[in-house]
């Protein structure tokens, strides 16, 4: 599969959405390169609003901590994240984005087996972003909250 780290000609709003799309494609493709391209070094994940099968999640500080977590826990599965209802509020070189995520998760190798049960979840994402260069934005903070499981 071809991976594009940057897409040219995007408005600031589109570049913010693209950062979140790079992140979720990075999860689905288990691509450290895509995940890295979407996150600032001081990135924070607040997953305290997420609980999967009674297992609560927590907050992770720093891209160096978050990347291995994403690759080991989500990238190791067969996943498909679909995002919608993007809203972006721009404020100079910072932005806040909200959207919904519908995500299907299966154990590695079981995604194409319809007899295997996976985890389908609906989440609300709140994302803080920072402008890095013209046309490039990265996520500084991601707050995940389950809407339903």
N, C-alpha and C. Protein backbone atom coordinates (compact mmCIF):
# COMPACT_ATOMS: atom_id res chain seq x y z
N UNK A 1 0.84 -1.17 0.00
CA UNK A 1 0.00 0.00 0.00
C UNK A 1 0.89 1.23 0.00
N UNK A 2 0.55 2.19 -0.81
CA UNK A 2 1.30 3.43 -0.88
C UNK A 2 0.91 4.35 0.27
N UNK A 3 1.89 4.94 0.91
CA UNK A 3 1.64 5.83 2.03
C UNK A 3 2.16 7.21 1.69
N UNK A 4 1.32 8.21 1.87
CA UNK A 4 1.71 9.59 1.63
C UNK A 4 1.79 10.28 2.99
N UNK A 5 2.98 10.75 3.35
CA UNK A 5 3.14 11.42 4.63
C UNK A 5 2.57 12.83 4.59
N UNK A 6 2.72 13.51 3.48
CA UNK A 6 2.20 14.87 3.34
C UNK A 6 1.46 14.99 2.01
N UNK A 7 0.38 15.74 2.06
CA UNK A 7 -0.39 16.03 0.87
C UNK A 7 -0.31 17.54 0.66
N UNK A 8 0.03 17.98 -0.54
CA UNK A 8 0.21 19.42 -0.78
C UNK A 8 -1.10 20.11 -1.11
N UNK A 9 -1.11 21.43 -0.94
CA UNK A 9 -2.24 22.25 -1.34
C UNK A 9 -3.43 22.23 -0.40
N UNK A 10 -3.22 21.82 0.85
CA UNK A 10 -4.33 21.75 1.80
C UNK A 10 -4.52 23.08 2.52
N UNK A 11 -5.76 23.43 2.78
CA UNK A 11 -6.04 24.57 3.66
C UNK A 11 -5.65 24.19 5.08
N UNK A 12 -5.60 25.16 5.99
CA UNK A 12 -5.27 24.87 7.38
C UNK A 12 -6.26 23.86 7.97
N UNK A 13 -7.54 24.04 7.68
CA UNK A 13 -8.56 23.11 8.19
C UNK A 13 -8.31 21.71 7.66
N UNK A 14 -8.08 21.59 6.37
CA UNK A 14 -7.83 20.28 5.76
C UNK A 14 -6.55 19.65 6.30
N UNK A 15 -5.52 20.46 6.57
CA UNK A 15 -4.26 19.94 7.09
C UNK A 15 -4.45 19.40 8.52
N UNK A 16 -5.33 20.03 9.30
CA UNK A 16 -5.64 19.52 10.63
C UNK A 16 -6.34 18.16 10.53
N UNK A 17 -7.32 18.06 9.66
CA UNK A 17 -8.01 16.79 9.45
C UNK A 17 -7.02 15.74 8.96
N UNK A 18 -6.11 16.13 8.06
CA UNK A 18 -5.13 15.20 7.52
C UNK A 18 -4.24 14.62 8.62
N UNK A 19 -3.89 15.43 9.63
CA UNK A 19 -3.06 14.92 10.73
C UNK A 19 -3.78 13.78 11.45
N UNK A 20 -5.07 13.95 11.69
CA UNK A 20 -5.85 12.91 12.37
C UNK A 20 -6.01 11.68 11.47
N UNK A 21 -6.17 11.90 10.18
CA UNK A 21 -6.28 10.78 9.25
C UNK A 21 -4.95 10.03 9.13
N UNK A 22 -3.82 10.74 9.15
CA UNK A 22 -2.52 10.07 9.16
C UNK A 22 -2.39 9.20 10.40
N UNK A 23 -2.84 9.73 11.53
CA UNK A 23 -2.79 8.98 12.78
C UNK A 23 -3.59 7.69 12.69
N UNK A 24 -4.84 7.77 12.25
CA UNK A 24 -5.67 6.56 12.22
C UNK A 24 -5.21 5.59 11.14
N UNK A 25 -4.72 6.10 10.01
CA UNK A 25 -4.17 5.18 9.00
C UNK A 25 -2.91 4.53 9.55
N UNK A 26 -2.14 5.27 10.33
CA UNK A 26 -0.96 4.70 10.96
C UNK A 26 -1.31 3.56 11.90
N UNK A 27 -2.43 3.71 12.63
CA UNK A 27 -2.92 2.62 13.49
C UNK A 27 -3.29 1.41 12.65
N UNK A 28 -4.10 1.64 11.61
CA UNK A 28 -4.60 0.53 10.79
C UNK A 28 -3.49 -0.18 10.02
N UNK A 29 -2.48 0.58 9.59
CA UNK A 29 -1.38 0.00 8.82
C UNK A 29 -0.20 -0.40 9.70
N UNK A 30 -0.31 -0.17 11.01
CA UNK A 30 0.81 -0.40 11.94
C UNK A 30 2.06 0.29 11.42
N UNK A 31 1.89 1.55 11.00
CA UNK A 31 2.97 2.32 10.39
C UNK A 31 3.55 3.33 11.38
N UNK A 32 4.73 3.03 11.88
CA UNK A 32 5.39 3.97 12.79
C UNK A 32 5.66 5.30 12.08
N UNK A 33 5.97 5.23 10.80
CA UNK A 33 6.27 6.43 10.02
C UNK A 33 5.05 7.36 9.95
N UNK A 34 3.87 6.80 9.68
CA UNK A 34 2.66 7.63 9.63
C UNK A 34 2.30 8.16 11.01
N UNK A 35 2.35 7.31 12.02
CA UNK A 35 2.06 7.77 13.38
C UNK A 35 3.00 8.90 13.78
N UNK A 36 4.28 8.72 13.53
CA UNK A 36 5.28 9.73 13.86
C UNK A 36 4.99 11.05 13.15
N UNK A 37 4.54 10.98 11.90
CA UNK A 37 4.27 12.19 11.12
C UNK A 37 3.06 12.97 11.64
N UNK A 38 2.24 12.34 12.46
CA UNK A 38 1.01 12.97 12.94
C UNK A 38 1.13 13.57 14.34
N UNK A 39 2.20 13.24 15.07
CA UNK A 39 2.31 13.60 16.48
C UNK A 39 3.51 14.51 16.76
N UNK A 40 3.32 15.49 17.66
CA UNK A 40 4.43 16.30 18.12
C UNK A 40 5.21 15.50 19.17
N UNK A 41 6.42 15.92 19.45
CA UNK A 41 7.24 15.23 20.46
C UNK A 41 6.59 15.28 21.84
N UNK A 42 5.86 16.38 22.13
CA UNK A 42 5.22 16.53 23.44
C UNK A 42 3.76 16.04 23.43
N UNK A 43 3.42 15.19 22.50
CA UNK A 43 2.06 14.66 22.36
C UNK A 43 1.59 13.99 23.67
N UNK A 44 0.30 14.18 23.97
CA UNK A 44 -0.33 13.54 25.12
C UNK A 44 -1.58 12.80 24.66
N UNK A 45 -1.73 11.57 25.11
CA UNK A 45 -2.95 10.79 24.90
C UNK A 45 -3.69 10.71 26.23
N UNK A 46 -4.92 11.18 26.23
CA UNK A 46 -5.79 11.03 27.40
C UNK A 46 -6.87 10.03 27.03
N UNK A 47 -6.69 8.80 27.46
CA UNK A 47 -7.65 7.73 27.17
C UNK A 47 -8.39 7.31 28.43
N UNK A 48 -8.48 8.21 29.41
CA UNK A 48 -9.18 7.88 30.65
C UNK A 48 -10.68 7.69 30.42
N UNK A 49 -11.20 8.17 29.29
CA UNK A 49 -12.61 8.00 28.97
C UNK A 49 -12.89 6.74 28.18
N UNK A 50 -11.90 5.85 28.08
CA UNK A 50 -12.04 4.62 27.31
C UNK A 50 -11.95 3.42 28.24
N UNK A 51 -12.88 2.49 28.05
CA UNK A 51 -12.84 1.23 28.78
C UNK A 51 -13.28 0.14 27.82
N UNK A 52 -12.42 -0.84 27.61
CA UNK A 52 -12.73 -1.94 26.72
C UNK A 52 -12.82 -3.21 27.57
N UNK A 53 -14.01 -3.80 27.58
CA UNK A 53 -14.27 -5.01 28.34
C UNK A 53 -13.80 -4.84 29.79
N UNK A 54 -14.18 -3.71 30.37
CA UNK A 54 -13.86 -3.44 31.76
C UNK A 54 -12.43 -3.05 32.04
N UNK A 55 -11.61 -2.96 30.99
CA UNK A 55 -10.20 -2.59 31.15
C UNK A 55 -10.04 -1.09 30.91
N UNK A 56 -9.80 -0.33 31.97
CA UNK A 56 -9.66 1.12 31.78
C UNK A 56 -8.31 1.47 31.17
N UNK A 57 -8.28 2.56 30.45
CA UNK A 57 -7.04 3.06 29.87
C UNK A 57 -6.60 4.28 30.66
N UNK A 58 -5.50 4.89 30.25
CA UNK A 58 -4.90 5.94 31.05
C UNK A 58 -4.34 7.04 30.16
N UNK A 59 -3.51 7.90 30.73
CA UNK A 59 -2.88 8.99 30.01
C UNK A 59 -1.43 8.62 29.71
N UNK A 60 -1.00 8.93 28.49
CA UNK A 60 0.39 8.73 28.08
C UNK A 60 0.99 10.08 27.73
N UNK A 61 2.18 10.34 28.22
CA UNK A 61 2.88 11.61 27.98
C UNK A 61 4.06 11.38 27.05
N UNK A 62 4.12 12.15 25.97
CA UNK A 62 5.26 12.12 25.06
C UNK A 62 5.10 11.12 23.92
N UNK A 63 5.53 11.55 22.74
CA UNK A 63 5.46 10.68 21.56
C UNK A 63 6.30 9.42 21.76
N UNK A 64 7.44 9.54 22.44
CA UNK A 64 8.31 8.38 22.66
C UNK A 64 7.63 7.30 23.47
N UNK A 65 6.68 7.66 24.31
CA UNK A 65 5.90 6.70 25.10
C UNK A 65 4.69 6.21 24.31
N UNK A 66 4.04 7.12 23.60
CA UNK A 66 2.80 6.80 22.89
C UNK A 66 3.01 5.89 21.69
N UNK A 67 4.07 6.14 20.90
CA UNK A 67 4.28 5.34 19.68
C UNK A 67 4.37 3.84 19.96
N UNK A 68 5.20 3.39 20.89
CA UNK A 68 5.24 1.94 21.16
C UNK A 68 3.90 1.40 21.65
N UNK A 69 3.19 2.19 22.44
CA UNK A 69 1.88 1.76 22.93
C UNK A 69 0.92 1.54 21.75
N UNK A 70 0.85 2.52 20.85
CA UNK A 70 -0.04 2.40 19.69
C UNK A 70 0.34 1.20 18.83
N UNK A 71 1.61 1.02 18.56
CA UNK A 71 2.05 -0.08 17.70
C UNK A 71 1.85 -1.44 18.36
N UNK A 72 2.10 -1.54 19.65
CA UNK A 72 1.96 -2.82 20.36
C UNK A 72 0.52 -3.20 20.65
N UNK A 73 -0.34 -2.22 20.93
CA UNK A 73 -1.70 -2.52 21.35
C UNK A 73 -2.74 -2.41 20.24
N UNK A 74 -2.57 -1.48 19.33
CA UNK A 74 -3.56 -1.32 18.25
C UNK A 74 -2.97 -1.82 16.94
N UNK A 75 -1.75 -1.44 16.65
CA UNK A 75 -1.11 -1.86 15.40
C UNK A 75 -0.96 -3.36 15.28
N UNK A 76 -0.94 -4.06 16.40
CA UNK A 76 -0.80 -5.52 16.39
C UNK A 76 -2.11 -6.23 16.05
N UNK A 77 -3.19 -5.47 15.90
CA UNK A 77 -4.49 -6.06 15.59
C UNK A 77 -4.89 -5.77 14.15
N UNK A 78 -5.93 -6.45 13.69
CA UNK A 78 -6.59 -6.10 12.43
C UNK A 78 -7.62 -5.04 12.78
N UNK A 79 -7.39 -3.81 12.31
CA UNK A 79 -8.28 -2.71 12.66
C UNK A 79 -8.72 -1.93 11.43
N UNK A 80 -9.82 -1.24 11.60
CA UNK A 80 -10.29 -0.31 10.58
C UNK A 80 -11.00 0.83 11.31
N UNK A 81 -10.41 2.03 11.21
CA UNK A 81 -10.97 3.22 11.85
C UNK A 81 -11.61 4.09 10.77
N UNK A 82 -12.85 4.47 10.99
CA UNK A 82 -13.56 5.36 10.08
C UNK A 82 -13.96 6.60 10.85
N UNK A 83 -13.58 7.77 10.34
CA UNK A 83 -13.82 9.04 11.02
C UNK A 83 -14.84 9.87 10.27
N UNK A 84 -15.61 10.66 11.03
CA UNK A 84 -16.61 11.51 10.40
C UNK A 84 -16.93 12.71 11.29
N UNK A 85 -17.73 13.61 10.75
CA UNK A 85 -18.25 14.77 11.48
C UNK A 85 -17.14 15.65 12.03
N UNK A 86 -16.16 15.96 11.20
CA UNK A 86 -15.04 16.80 11.62
C UNK A 86 -15.49 18.24 11.83
N UNK A 87 -15.06 18.82 12.94
CA UNK A 87 -15.23 20.25 13.20
C UNK A 87 -13.86 20.76 13.63
N UNK A 88 -13.44 21.86 13.04
CA UNK A 88 -12.11 22.41 13.31
C UNK A 88 -12.25 23.88 13.68
N UNK A 89 -11.68 24.25 14.83
CA UNK A 89 -11.62 25.64 15.25
C UNK A 89 -10.16 26.08 15.21
N UNK A 90 -9.85 26.98 14.29
CA UNK A 90 -8.48 27.48 14.12
C UNK A 90 -8.27 28.72 14.99
N UNK A 91 -7.08 28.80 15.58
CA UNK A 91 -6.71 29.96 16.38
C UNK A 91 -5.22 30.21 16.18
N UNK A 92 -4.87 30.92 15.11
CA UNK A 92 -3.47 31.16 14.78
C UNK A 92 -2.78 29.87 14.42
N UNK A 93 -1.70 29.55 15.15
CA UNK A 93 -0.93 28.34 14.88
C UNK A 93 -1.39 27.16 15.72
N UNK A 94 -2.57 27.28 16.34
CA UNK A 94 -3.16 26.18 17.11
C UNK A 94 -4.57 25.92 16.62
N UNK A 95 -5.04 24.71 16.87
CA UNK A 95 -6.40 24.36 16.46
C UNK A 95 -6.95 23.30 17.40
N UNK A 96 -8.27 23.23 17.44
CA UNK A 96 -8.97 22.17 18.17
C UNK A 96 -9.90 21.50 17.17
N UNK A 97 -9.88 20.18 17.17
CA UNK A 97 -10.69 19.40 16.24
C UNK A 97 -11.51 18.40 17.04
N UNK A 98 -12.74 18.20 16.62
CA UNK A 98 -13.55 17.12 17.18
C UNK A 98 -14.08 16.28 16.02
N UNK A 99 -14.26 15.00 16.28
CA UNK A 99 -14.83 14.10 15.29
C UNK A 99 -15.29 12.83 15.98
N UNK A 100 -15.96 11.99 15.22
CA UNK A 100 -16.40 10.69 15.70
C UNK A 100 -15.58 9.60 15.02
N UNK A 101 -15.38 8.52 15.74
CA UNK A 101 -14.66 7.38 15.20
C UNK A 101 -15.49 6.12 15.38
N UNK A 102 -15.63 5.37 14.32
CA UNK A 102 -16.20 4.03 14.36
C UNK A 102 -15.04 3.10 14.06
N UNK A 103 -14.69 2.25 15.03
CA UNK A 103 -13.49 1.45 14.89
C UNK A 103 -13.77 -0.02 15.16
N UNK A 104 -13.35 -0.86 14.24
CA UNK A 104 -13.48 -2.31 14.36
C UNK A 104 -12.11 -2.87 14.69
N UNK A 105 -12.03 -3.70 15.73
CA UNK A 105 -10.77 -4.29 16.17
C UNK A 105 -10.92 -5.81 16.24
N UNK A 106 -9.98 -6.52 15.66
CA UNK A 106 -9.91 -7.99 15.73
C UNK A 106 -8.49 -8.39 16.10
N UNK A 107 -8.36 -9.55 16.71
CA UNK A 107 -7.02 -10.08 16.95
C UNK A 107 -6.30 -10.24 15.62
N UNK A 108 -5.00 -10.12 15.64
CA UNK A 108 -4.20 -10.23 14.42
C UNK A 108 -4.52 -11.52 13.67
N UNK A 109 -4.83 -11.37 12.39
CA UNK A 109 -5.13 -12.52 11.54
C UNK A 109 -6.58 -12.96 11.55
N UNK A 110 -7.41 -12.37 12.41
CA UNK A 110 -8.81 -12.78 12.52
C UNK A 110 -9.80 -11.79 11.91
N UNK A 111 -9.29 -10.71 11.35
CA UNK A 111 -10.17 -9.67 10.82
C UNK A 111 -11.04 -10.12 9.66
N UNK A 112 -10.55 -11.04 8.86
CA UNK A 112 -11.32 -11.49 7.70
C UNK A 112 -12.19 -12.71 8.00
N UNK A 113 -12.19 -13.17 9.24
CA UNK A 113 -12.98 -14.34 9.62
C UNK A 113 -14.28 -13.87 10.27
N UNK A 114 -15.40 -14.00 9.54
CA UNK A 114 -16.68 -13.48 10.05
C UNK A 114 -17.20 -14.24 11.26
N UNK A 115 -16.63 -15.40 11.53
CA UNK A 115 -17.06 -16.17 12.70
C UNK A 115 -16.38 -15.70 13.98
N UNK A 116 -15.34 -14.91 13.88
CA UNK A 116 -14.61 -14.41 15.05
C UNK A 116 -15.23 -13.09 15.49
N UNK A 117 -15.40 -12.95 16.78
CA UNK A 117 -15.97 -11.74 17.34
C UNK A 117 -14.86 -10.75 17.60
N UNK A 118 -15.07 -9.52 17.18
CA UNK A 118 -14.11 -8.45 17.45
C UNK A 118 -14.75 -7.43 18.36
N UNK A 119 -14.16 -6.29 18.41
CA UNK A 119 -14.67 -5.20 19.23
C UNK A 119 -15.00 -4.02 18.32
N UNK A 120 -16.27 -3.69 18.23
CA UNK A 120 -16.72 -2.52 17.48
C UNK A 120 -17.02 -1.43 18.48
N UNK A 121 -16.41 -0.27 18.29
CA UNK A 121 -16.62 0.81 19.25
C UNK A 121 -16.83 2.14 18.55
N UNK A 122 -17.66 2.95 19.17
CA UNK A 122 -17.86 4.32 18.72
C UNK A 122 -17.20 5.25 19.72
N UNK A 123 -16.33 6.12 19.23
CA UNK A 123 -15.60 7.04 20.11
C UNK A 123 -15.78 8.48 19.66
N UNK A 124 -15.64 9.37 20.62
CA UNK A 124 -15.56 10.79 20.35
C UNK A 124 -14.11 11.20 20.54
N UNK A 125 -13.56 11.92 19.57
CA UNK A 125 -12.18 12.38 19.65
C UNK A 125 -12.16 13.90 19.78
N UNK A 126 -11.36 14.39 20.69
CA UNK A 126 -11.07 15.81 20.80
C UNK A 126 -9.56 15.94 20.65
N UNK A 127 -9.14 16.74 19.69
CA UNK A 127 -7.73 16.81 19.33
C UNK A 127 -7.25 18.25 19.35
N UNK A 128 -6.11 18.48 20.00
CA UNK A 128 -5.42 19.76 19.92
C UNK A 128 -4.31 19.59 18.90
N UNK A 129 -4.13 20.61 18.06
CA UNK A 129 -3.12 20.54 17.01
C UNK A 129 -2.28 21.80 17.00
N UNK A 130 -1.06 21.65 16.43
CA UNK A 130 -0.15 22.78 16.30
C UNK A 130 0.37 22.82 14.87
N UNK A 131 0.43 24.02 14.33
CA UNK A 131 1.01 24.22 13.00
C UNK A 131 2.52 24.05 13.10
N UNK A 132 3.08 23.19 12.26
CA UNK A 132 4.52 22.93 12.24
C UNK A 132 5.18 23.78 11.16
N UNK A 133 4.67 23.67 9.95
CA UNK A 133 5.09 24.50 8.82
C UNK A 133 3.84 24.80 8.02
N UNK A 134 3.98 25.61 7.01
CA UNK A 134 2.83 25.92 6.16
C UNK A 134 2.28 24.62 5.56
N UNK A 135 1.03 24.31 5.85
CA UNK A 135 0.39 23.11 5.32
C UNK A 135 0.62 21.86 6.14
N UNK A 136 1.42 21.94 7.22
CA UNK A 136 1.67 20.75 8.05
C UNK A 136 1.25 21.04 9.49
N UNK A 137 0.34 20.24 9.98
CA UNK A 137 -0.12 20.31 11.35
C UNK A 137 0.09 18.96 12.00
N UNK A 138 0.32 18.97 13.32
CA UNK A 138 0.48 17.72 14.07
C UNK A 138 -0.37 17.78 15.34
N UNK A 139 -0.72 16.61 15.80
CA UNK A 139 -1.53 16.48 17.01
C UNK A 139 -0.64 16.67 18.25
N UNK A 140 -1.08 17.53 19.17
CA UNK A 140 -0.38 17.70 20.44
C UNK A 140 -1.08 16.97 21.58
N UNK A 141 -2.37 16.78 21.44
CA UNK A 141 -3.16 16.11 22.49
C UNK A 141 -4.36 15.43 21.84
N UNK A 142 -4.63 14.22 22.28
CA UNK A 142 -5.80 13.46 21.83
C UNK A 142 -6.54 12.98 23.06
N UNK A 143 -7.81 13.35 23.14
CA UNK A 143 -8.68 12.88 24.22
C UNK A 143 -9.69 11.93 23.59
N UNK A 144 -9.67 10.67 24.03
CA UNK A 144 -10.60 9.65 23.54
C UNK A 144 -11.67 9.40 24.58
N UNK A 145 -12.90 9.28 24.10
CA UNK A 145 -14.00 8.95 25.02
C UNK A 145 -14.94 7.99 24.31
N UNK A 146 -15.24 6.86 24.96
CA UNK A 146 -16.21 5.92 24.38
C UNK A 146 -17.59 6.54 24.34
N UNK A 147 -18.23 6.45 23.19
CA UNK A 147 -19.66 6.78 23.09
C UNK A 147 -20.46 5.51 23.36
N UNK A 148 -19.92 4.39 22.86
CA UNK A 148 -20.54 3.07 23.09
C UNK A 148 -19.55 1.98 22.70
N UNK A 149 -19.81 0.80 23.20
CA UNK A 149 -19.05 -0.40 22.85
C UNK A 149 -20.01 -1.46 22.39
